[in-house]
């Protein structure tokens, strides 16, 4: 693709990087078959190739973006399925991130959108605020009819019962059982520790049981993904820098073998810290943290797991976009589940997004709901006993549309290696005595 950026524009490093990615695009249409919004809406401007054209036009022209351009870019799920089929390896993620940051800086959204986005930015990445918001949401559910569509959807996904509040108590260290073989830092997440603390508990149990000391630094917090995908670069970089400092202190202290992430959406962004902070004085430290970052499935695949006998369950595995496309981890979780003795069911169109996509399920509710319906139908088609996935957002999205239990992959693996039964399976008919 030819570009027409001025020399002045190319002095900006972000613009120069986008120019390289745009020029690599062959305009071949290989990517659009994997694009969920194109499959749903049938508009080429709502495909990855169409958005690349709009991004090129917007960045070249400068100034305030057109409303139509913003709408088409806003509809992108950031699922990155397009990157899996691109013959010239266009890094669409970096293009989309730049486009969103440009829109955030140069486009004035309508008042209602601004209020909603500011509310989400100031609540979701902060566990204590999110917990208060969810408590309030439970009280205002009877008034949901008077709220905007996105907030109504958010209310519907609020759990009836939240996990017990665990007051932060400084740095936490969970010793390895037996001889310590590894020392790892765990990202506990922001929303995850509020709505489903079972995932972190299972992660800590299976790691410590297999010789890993797990540390949760007091200062580590939100990874920045939620605000990063909204184009709010100052917020996301501040979150990244905070975590880099926290994990670097551990690395330079007793050492770290890995930074373990059990929320794949967070993992994709943390593995990109090196690129995000390439022009920052912390660039070298950011690159080290990116190289240390591992999804929990990657860590467990390098450990000889002590499997126990578990009841035969048919598991439908939902491959999260951020894991299979963002991190290119496609087979590892499935191999672990099979090795544990579970009967794996791989649904049709496993490359298609479930529609959660961070803030997307609130900001683009109609598309999100349609994609959820399609995903749930595909997962239920195999009549599984349980659905497994590797991301809290996907777990919440899918479980809101099905009566089949939905659990994190690590919960099943923890159970299969001597841990307790995942709470979501407590009343499963196949497991009753």
Protein backbone atom coordinates (compact mmCIF):
# COMPACT_ATOMS: atom_id res chain seq x y z
CA UNK A 1 0.00 0.00 0.00
CA UNK A 2 1.36 3.41 -0.93
CA UNK A 3 1.41 6.13 1.70
CA UNK A 4 1.75 9.89 1.48
CA UNK A 5 3.06 11.01 4.86
CA UNK A 6 5.05 14.23 5.01
CA UNK A 7 8.58 14.30 6.41
CA UNK A 8 7.25 16.29 9.34
CA UNK A 9 4.70 13.59 10.11
CA UNK A 10 7.33 10.85 9.90
CA UNK A 11 9.41 12.54 12.56
CA UNK A 12 6.83 11.19 15.01
CA UNK A 13 7.94 7.66 15.93
CA UNK A 14 4.40 6.32 16.17
CA UNK A 15 3.56 7.70 12.74
CA UNK A 16 6.76 6.29 11.27
CA UNK A 17 5.96 2.85 12.66
CA UNK A 18 2.43 2.98 11.25
CA UNK A 19 3.85 4.00 7.88
CA UNK A 20 5.95 0.82 7.84
CA UNK A 21 2.93 -1.34 8.70
CA UNK A 22 0.68 0.36 6.13
CA UNK A 23 3.25 -0.06 3.37
CA UNK A 24 3.46 -3.77 4.18
CA UNK A 25 -0.26 -4.27 3.48
CA UNK A 26 -0.82 -6.02 0.13
CA UNK A 27 -4.58 -5.23 0.08
CA UNK A 28 -5.11 -8.91 -0.70
CA UNK A 29 -8.27 -9.48 1.37
CA UNK A 30 -6.86 -12.64 2.99
CA UNK A 31 -7.61 -11.15 6.39
CA UNK A 32 -11.26 -10.26 6.02
CA UNK A 33 -12.53 -13.84 6.14
CA UNK A 34 -11.35 -14.02 9.76
CA UNK A 35 -12.82 -10.64 10.77
CA UNK A 36 -15.88 -11.13 13.04
CA UNK A 37 -17.40 -7.72 12.37
CA UNK A 38 -17.15 -8.19 8.61
CA UNK A 39 -18.78 -11.62 8.93
CA UNK A 40 -21.54 -10.04 10.99
CA UNK A 41 -22.11 -6.73 9.19
CA UNK A 42 -20.94 -7.47 5.65
CA UNK A 43 -19.38 -4.01 5.21
CA UNK A 44 -15.77 -3.97 4.00
CA UNK A 45 -15.17 -0.83 6.04
CA UNK A 46 -15.93 -3.01 9.07
CA UNK A 47 -13.20 -5.46 8.07
CA UNK A 48 -9.53 -5.37 8.97
CA UNK A 49 -8.54 -4.32 5.45
CA UNK A 50 -11.20 -1.63 5.38
CA UNK A 51 -10.02 -0.26 8.70
CA UNK A 52 -6.42 -0.22 7.49
CA UNK A 53 -7.55 1.98 4.60
CA UNK A 54 -9.43 4.28 6.99
CA UNK A 55 -6.46 4.48 9.37
CA UNK A 56 -4.14 5.40 6.49
CA UNK A 57 -6.52 8.12 5.30
CA UNK A 58 -7.06 9.49 8.82
CA UNK A 59 -3.37 9.63 9.72
CA UNK A 60 -2.31 11.12 6.39
CA UNK A 61 -4.92 13.87 6.43
CA UNK A 62 -4.36 14.78 10.07
CA UNK A 63 -6.75 16.97 12.00
CA UNK A 64 -10.06 15.79 13.42
CA UNK A 65 -11.16 12.36 12.16
CA UNK A 66 -14.52 11.93 10.43
CA UNK A 67 -17.36 10.53 12.50
CA UNK A 68 -17.83 7.58 10.11
CA UNK A 69 -14.13 6.72 10.37
CA UNK A 70 -14.32 6.73 14.16
CA UNK A 71 -17.40 4.51 14.13
CA UNK A 72 -15.78 1.86 11.92
CA UNK A 73 -12.60 1.84 14.01
CA UNK A 74 -14.62 1.73 17.24
CA UNK A 75 -16.36 -1.41 15.96
CA UNK A 76 -13.05 -3.28 15.78
CA UNK A 77 -12.91 -5.94 18.49
CA UNK A 78 -9.11 -5.92 18.53
CA UNK A 79 -9.35 -9.73 18.31
CA UNK A 80 -6.29 -9.83 16.00
CA UNK A 81 -7.63 -12.77 13.99
CA UNK A 82 -6.59 -10.84 10.87
CA UNK A 83 -2.93 -11.16 11.87
CA UNK A 84 -3.12 -14.94 11.70
CA UNK A 85 -3.69 -14.98 7.92
CA UNK A 86 -1.75 -11.91 6.75
CA UNK A 87 0.88 -13.00 4.18
CA UNK A 88 2.99 -9.89 4.78
CA UNK A 89 2.76 -9.97 8.60
CA UNK A 90 1.18 -6.54 9.02
CA UNK A 91 1.12 -5.82 12.76
CA UNK A 92 -2.52 -4.75 12.87
CA UNK A 93 -2.46 -4.51 16.67
CA UNK A 94 0.04 -1.68 16.62
CA UNK A 95 -1.85 0.08 13.82
CA UNK A 96 -5.13 -0.13 15.70
CA UNK A 97 -3.52 1.02 18.94
CA UNK A 98 -2.07 4.06 17.18
CA UNK A 99 -5.41 4.83 15.51
CA UNK A 100 -7.27 4.72 18.80
CA UNK A 101 -4.71 6.94 20.50
CA UNK A 102 -4.98 9.41 17.59
CA UNK A 103 -8.79 9.45 17.83
CA UNK A 104 -8.66 9.95 21.59
CA UNK A 105 -6.39 12.96 21.13
CA UNK A 106 -8.02 14.57 18.10
CA UNK A 107 -11.73 13.68 18.16
CA UNK A 108 -14.37 15.11 20.52
CA UNK A 109 -16.96 12.46 21.23
CA UNK A 110 -20.61 13.20 22.11
CA UNK A 111 -21.23 13.99 25.78
CA UNK A 112 -22.84 10.65 26.67
CA UNK A 113 -19.90 8.73 25.15
CA UNK A 114 -17.39 10.89 27.02
CA UNK A 115 -19.15 10.36 30.34
CA UNK A 116 -19.39 6.60 29.81
CA UNK A 117 -15.76 6.25 28.78
CA UNK A 118 -14.56 8.40 31.69
CA UNK A 119 -16.66 6.34 34.10
CA UNK A 120 -15.22 3.08 32.82
CA UNK A 121 -11.66 4.44 32.92
CA UNK A 122 -12.05 5.58 36.51
CA UNK A 123 -13.68 2.40 37.82
CA UNK A 124 -12.80 -0.82 36.00
CA UNK A 125 -8.99 -0.78 36.43
CA UNK A 126 -9.34 -0.16 40.19
CA UNK A 127 -10.50 -3.24 42.20
CA UNK A 128 -11.74 -1.33 45.26
CA UNK A 129 -13.78 1.10 43.14
CA UNK A 130 -15.07 -1.72 40.97
CA UNK A 131 -16.26 -3.65 44.00
CA UNK A 132 -18.17 -0.61 45.28
CA UNK A 133 -19.63 -0.07 41.80
CA UNK A 134 -20.79 -3.69 41.65
CA UNK A 135 -22.41 -3.43 45.06
CA UNK A 136 -24.26 -0.34 43.84
CA UNK A 137 -25.17 -2.11 40.59
CA UNK A 138 -26.93 -4.84 42.56
CA UNK A 139 -29.07 -2.13 44.19
CA UNK A 140 -30.01 -0.32 40.97
CA UNK A 141 -30.81 -3.41 38.89
CA UNK A 142 -34.56 -2.75 39.26
CA UNK A 143 -34.00 0.59 37.46
CA UNK A 144 -32.00 -0.87 34.56
CA UNK A 145 -34.69 0.12 32.04
CA UNK A 146 -33.79 3.80 32.54
CA UNK A 147 -30.07 3.35 31.83
CA UNK A 148 -28.12 3.47 28.52
CA UNK A 149 -27.86 0.12 26.71
CA UNK A 150 -24.18 -0.39 27.56
CA UNK A 151 -24.74 0.12 31.28
CA UNK A 152 -27.80 -2.17 31.21
CA UNK A 153 -25.59 -4.88 29.74
CA UNK A 154 -22.96 -4.25 32.41
CA UNK A 155 -25.62 -4.59 35.12
CA UNK A 156 -26.80 -7.89 33.64
CA UNK A 157 -23.28 -9.30 33.88
CA UNK A 158 -22.82 -8.28 37.52
CA UNK A 159 -22.65 -11.44 39.67
CA UNK A 160 -25.42 -11.85 42.24
CA UNK A 161 -22.75 -12.74 44.80
CA UNK A 162 -19.22 -11.35 44.91
CA UNK A 163 -16.25 -13.23 46.42
CA UNK A 164 -15.32 -12.21 49.99
CA UNK A 165 -13.30 -9.01 50.08
CA UNK A 166 -9.59 -9.61 50.68
CA UNK A 167 -8.00 -6.48 52.01
CA UNK A 168 -4.55 -5.89 50.44
CA UNK A 169 -1.85 -6.61 53.00
CA UNK A 170 1.38 -5.64 51.27
CA UNK A 171 3.49 -8.08 49.34
CA UNK A 172 2.28 -11.67 49.43
CA UNK A 173 4.59 -14.66 49.13
CA UNK A 174 3.29 -18.19 48.72
CA UNK A 175 6.13 -20.68 49.38
CA UNK A 176 6.78 -23.63 47.12
CA UNK A 177 5.90 -27.05 48.50
CA UNK A 178 9.06 -29.08 48.79
CA UNK A 179 12.19 -27.90 46.97
CA UNK A 180 11.80 -24.51 45.32
CA UNK A 181 12.35 -24.94 41.58
CA UNK A 182 11.14 -21.56 40.36
CA UNK A 183 10.19 -18.14 41.68
CA UNK A 184 7.45 -16.33 39.78
CA UNK A 185 5.40 -13.16 40.11
CA UNK A 186 1.66 -13.41 39.59
CA UNK A 187 -0.51 -10.68 38.11
CA UNK A 188 -3.77 -10.91 40.05
CA UNK A 189 -5.66 -8.61 37.69
CA UNK A 190 -8.15 -5.87 38.43
CA UNK A 191 -11.66 -7.12 37.55
CA UNK A 192 -10.67 -10.74 38.04
CA UNK A 193 -9.85 -10.46 41.72
CA UNK A 194 -13.23 -8.79 42.30
CA UNK A 195 -15.59 -11.06 40.32
CA UNK A 196 -13.77 -14.42 40.43
CA UNK A 197 -10.93 -14.88 42.91
CA UNK A 198 -11.10 -18.67 42.38
CA UNK A 199 -8.89 -18.31 39.30
CA UNK A 200 -6.00 -16.74 41.21
CA UNK A 201 -6.43 -19.22 44.06
CA UNK A 202 -6.21 -22.16 41.64
CA UNK A 203 -3.17 -20.64 39.95
CA UNK A 204 -1.32 -20.24 43.24
CA UNK A 205 -2.21 -23.76 44.39
CA UNK A 206 -1.05 -25.55 41.24
CA UNK A 207 2.18 -23.54 41.03
CA UNK A 208 3.20 -23.95 44.68
CA UNK A 209 2.26 -27.64 44.60
CA UNK A 210 4.73 -28.11 41.74
CA UNK A 211 7.69 -26.31 43.29
CA UNK A 212 7.09 -22.65 42.38
CA UNK A 213 7.30 -19.86 44.89
CA UNK A 214 4.65 -17.30 43.95
CA UNK A 215 5.03 -13.64 44.84
CA UNK A 216 2.39 -10.94 44.43
CA UNK A 217 4.19 -7.59 44.75
CA UNK A 218 2.28 -5.00 46.73
CA UNK A 219 2.64 -2.32 44.06
CA UNK A 220 1.69 -4.37 40.99
CA UNK A 221 -1.77 -3.42 39.72
CA UNK A 222 -3.79 -3.13 36.51
CA UNK A 223 -1.75 -4.00 33.41
CA UNK A 224 -3.19 -1.06 31.43
CA UNK A 225 -4.99 -3.11 28.77
CA UNK A 226 -8.44 -1.65 29.39
CA UNK A 227 -7.36 1.95 28.90
CA UNK A 228 -4.80 1.06 26.22
CA UNK A 229 -7.52 -0.25 23.92
CA UNK A 230 -9.52 2.94 24.49
CA UNK A 231 -6.62 5.00 23.18
CA UNK A 232 -5.89 6.52 26.58
CA UNK A 233 -2.17 6.15 26.28
CA UNK A 234 -1.19 8.21 29.32
CA UNK A 235 -3.25 5.94 31.56
CA UNK A 236 -2.00 2.69 30.03
CA UNK A 237 1.66 3.74 30.05
CA UNK A 238 1.38 4.84 33.69
CA UNK A 239 -0.01 1.39 34.56
CA UNK A 240 2.75 -0.32 32.59
CA UNK A 241 5.49 1.73 34.22
CA UNK A 242 4.07 1.00 37.68
CA UNK A 243 4.16 -2.75 37.04
CA UNK A 244 7.60 -2.67 35.45
CA UNK A 245 8.97 -0.98 38.58
CA UNK A 246 7.25 -3.53 40.85
CA UNK A 247 8.43 -6.59 38.92
CA UNK A 248 11.91 -5.21 38.28
CA UNK A 249 12.42 -4.84 42.04
CA UNK A 250 11.61 -8.54 42.42
CA UNK A 251 13.84 -9.41 39.47
CA UNK A 252 16.76 -7.50 40.93
CA UNK A 253 16.05 -8.82 44.43
CA UNK A 254 15.51 -12.56 44.83
CA UNK A 255 15.03 -12.99 41.08
CA UNK A 256 12.12 -14.09 38.89
CA UNK A 257 11.81 -16.93 36.43
CA UNK A 258 8.58 -15.58 34.99
CA UNK A 259 5.77 -13.07 35.35
CA UNK A 260 2.71 -15.32 35.27
CA UNK A 261 -0.54 -14.05 33.77
CA UNK A 262 -3.79 -16.00 33.90
CA UNK A 263 -5.85 -13.41 32.02
CA UNK A 264 -4.86 -13.64 28.38
CA UNK A 265 -6.03 -10.11 27.53
CA UNK A 266 -3.55 -8.77 30.08
CA UNK A 267 -0.82 -11.09 28.82
CA UNK A 268 -1.00 -9.76 25.27
CA UNK A 269 -0.45 -6.20 26.46
CA UNK A 270 2.28 -7.06 28.99
CA UNK A 271 4.18 -8.95 26.31
CA UNK A 272 4.01 -5.71 24.30
CA UNK A 273 5.43 -3.48 27.07
CA UNK A 274 8.78 -3.46 25.28
CA UNK A 275 7.19 -1.92 22.18
CA UNK A 276 4.89 0.43 24.09
CA UNK A 277 7.83 1.90 26.03
CA UNK A 278 10.44 1.70 23.27
CA UNK A 279 11.13 5.45 23.51
CA UNK A 280 11.00 5.62 27.30
CA UNK A 281 14.00 5.63 29.66
CA UNK A 282 12.57 2.36 30.99
CA UNK A 283 12.77 0.72 27.55
CA UNK A 284 15.36 -1.88 28.60
CA UNK A 285 13.47 -2.85 31.75
CA UNK A 286 10.19 -2.98 29.81
CA UNK A 287 11.73 -5.37 27.28
CA UNK A 288 12.97 -7.63 30.10
CA UNK A 289 9.49 -7.79 31.64
CA UNK A 290 7.93 -8.53 28.25
CA UNK A 291 10.35 -11.42 27.81
CA UNK A 292 9.55 -12.73 31.30
CA UNK A 293 5.79 -12.57 30.79
CA UNK A 294 4.16 -15.98 30.33
CA UNK A 295 0.60 -17.21 30.19
CA UNK A 296 -0.15 -19.74 32.92
CA UNK A 297 -0.49 -22.45 30.24
CA UNK A 298 3.08 -21.76 29.05
CA UNK A 299 4.43 -22.10 32.58
CA UNK A 300 2.54 -25.32 33.28
CA UNK A 301 3.61 -26.86 29.98
CA UNK A 302 7.24 -26.60 31.15
CA UNK A 303 6.51 -28.35 34.45
CA UNK A 304 6.03 -32.15 34.83
CA UNK A 305 2.52 -32.02 36.29
CA UNK A 306 1.45 -34.64 38.82
CA UNK A 307 -1.91 -35.65 37.36
CA UNK A 308 -4.46 -37.50 39.46
CA UNK A 309 -7.50 -39.44 38.24
CA UNK A 310 -10.52 -37.22 37.66
CA UNK A 311 -14.06 -38.14 36.52
CA UNK A 312 -14.41 -38.17 32.76
CA UNK A 313 -15.79 -34.83 31.62
CA UNK A 314 -16.32 -33.52 28.11
CA UNK A 315 -14.74 -30.07 27.93
CA UNK A 316 -15.51 -27.54 25.22
CA UNK A 317 -12.43 -25.35 24.96
CA UNK A 318 -12.96 -21.71 23.99
CA UNK A 319 -9.72 -20.35 22.55
CA UNK A 320 -9.51 -16.69 23.53
CA UNK A 321 -8.52 -14.24 20.82
CA UNK A 322 -5.80 -12.68 22.95
CA UNK A 323 -4.23 -16.09 23.53
CA UNK A 324 -4.47 -17.72 20.10
CA UNK A 325 -3.85 -14.55 18.04
CA UNK A 326 -2.34 -11.97 20.39
CA UNK A 327 0.16 -14.40 21.92
CA UNK A 328 0.07 -17.16 19.28
CA UNK A 329 -0.62 -19.84 21.89
CA UNK A 330 -3.06 -22.19 20.21
CA UNK A 331 -2.32 -25.76 21.21
CA UNK A 332 -0.72 -25.61 24.67
CA UNK A 333 -3.91 -25.31 26.79
CA UNK A 334 -5.59 -28.08 24.79
CA UNK A 335 -2.60 -30.40 25.25
CA UNK A 336 -2.67 -29.79 29.00
CA UNK A 337 -6.39 -30.57 29.23
CA UNK A 338 -5.98 -33.75 27.20
CA UNK A 339 -3.03 -34.86 29.31
CA UNK A 340 -5.16 -34.37 32.42
CA UNK A 341 -7.70 -36.87 31.10
CA UNK A 342 -10.46 -34.54 29.93
CA UNK A 343 -12.30 -35.31 26.68
CA UNK A 344 -11.76 -32.22 24.58
CA UNK A 345 -14.43 -30.81 22.29
CA UNK A 346 -13.27 -28.21 19.80
CA UNK A 347 -16.20 -26.07 18.63
CA UNK A 348 -16.86 -24.93 15.09
CA UNK A 349 -15.38 -21.53 14.13
CA UNK A 350 -13.06 -21.55 17.15
CA UNK A 351 -11.27 -18.53 15.67
CA UNK A 352 -14.35 -16.31 16.07
CA UNK A 353 -14.46 -13.84 18.97
CA UNK A 354 -17.01 -14.22 21.78
CA UNK A 355 -17.62 -10.46 21.71
CA UNK A 356 -16.44 -9.47 25.19
CA UNK A 357 -13.20 -7.72 24.15
CA UNK A 358 -12.50 -5.61 27.24
CA UNK A 359 -14.71 -2.51 27.24
CA UNK A 360 -16.24 -3.51 23.90
CA UNK A 361 -19.17 -5.41 25.41
CA UNK A 362 -20.27 -2.14 27.01
CA UNK A 363 -19.38 0.29 24.22
CA UNK A 364 -20.64 -1.87 21.31
CA UNK A 365 -23.37 -3.88 23.01
CA UNK A 366 -25.40 -5.01 19.97
CA UNK A 367 -22.42 -6.49 18.10
CA UNK A 368 -21.09 -8.01 21.32
CA UNK A 369 -24.41 -9.71 22.06
CA UNK A 370 -24.71 -11.14 18.56
CA UNK A 371 -21.20 -12.57 18.71
CA UNK A 372 -21.91 -14.02 22.15
CA UNK A 373 -25.01 -15.79 20.84
CA UNK A 374 -23.05 -17.32 17.96
CA UNK A 375 -20.22 -18.40 20.24
CA UNK A 376 -22.51 -19.97 22.82
CA UNK A 377 -24.38 -21.90 20.12
CA UNK A 378 -21.08 -23.25 18.77
CA UNK A 379 -19.90 -24.28 22.24
CA UNK A 380 -23.19 -25.90 23.21
CA UNK A 381 -23.41 -27.84 19.94
CA UNK A 382 -21.01 -30.50 21.26
CA UNK A 383 -23.08 -31.02 24.45
CA UNK A 384 -20.10 -30.47 26.79
CA UNK A 385 -20.17 -30.99 30.54
CA UNK A 386 -18.11 -27.84 31.08
CA UNK A 387 -16.65 -24.99 29.04
CA UNK A 388 -13.04 -23.93 29.67
CA UNK A 389 -11.33 -20.70 28.66
CA UNK A 390 -8.25 -18.68 29.60
CA UNK A 391 -9.62 -15.16 30.08
CA UNK A 392 -11.95 -13.72 32.72
CA UNK A 393 -13.77 -11.53 30.17
CA UNK A 394 -14.61 -14.48 27.92
CA UNK A 395 -15.65 -16.49 30.97
CA UNK A 396 -18.12 -13.77 32.04
CA UNK A 397 -19.42 -13.26 28.52
CA UNK A 398 -20.05 -16.93 27.75
CA UNK A 399 -21.45 -17.82 31.17
CA UNK A 400 -24.05 -15.03 30.80
CA UNK A 401 -25.48 -16.88 27.80
CA UNK A 402 -25.46 -20.54 28.87
CA UNK A 403 -26.38 -22.80 31.77
CA UNK A 404 -23.30 -24.99 31.15
CA UNK A 405 -20.61 -24.28 33.80
CA UNK A 406 -17.78 -22.09 32.50
CA UNK A 407 -14.41 -22.25 34.26
CA UNK A 408 -10.87 -21.10 33.71
CA UNK A 409 -8.55 -23.74 32.24
CA UNK A 410 -6.26 -23.48 35.27
CA UNK A 411 -9.15 -24.44 37.58
CA UNK A 412 -9.55 -27.77 35.77
CA UNK A 413 -5.79 -28.37 35.76
CA UNK A 414 -5.55 -27.55 39.47
CA UNK A 415 -8.32 -30.06 40.20
CA UNK A 416 -6.67 -32.69 38.01
CA UNK A 417 -3.40 -32.32 39.95
CA UNK A 418 -4.77 -32.62 43.46
CA UNK A 419 -6.62 -29.34 44.02
CA UNK A 420 -10.29 -28.90 44.94
CA UNK A 421 -13.20 -29.20 42.54
CA UNK A 422 -13.82 -25.88 40.74
CA UNK A 423 -16.73 -24.15 42.57
CA UNK A 424 -18.69 -23.82 39.32
CA UNK A 425 -18.86 -27.63 39.18
CA UNK A 426 -20.10 -28.17 42.74
CA UNK A 427 -23.61 -29.17 41.64
CA UNK A 428 -22.71 -30.89 38.41
CA UNK A 429 -24.85 -34.03 37.94
CA UNK A 430 -21.90 -36.12 36.76
CA UNK A 431 -20.00 -35.36 39.95
CA UNK A 432 -22.70 -36.06 42.54
CA UNK A 433 -22.00 -38.97 44.86
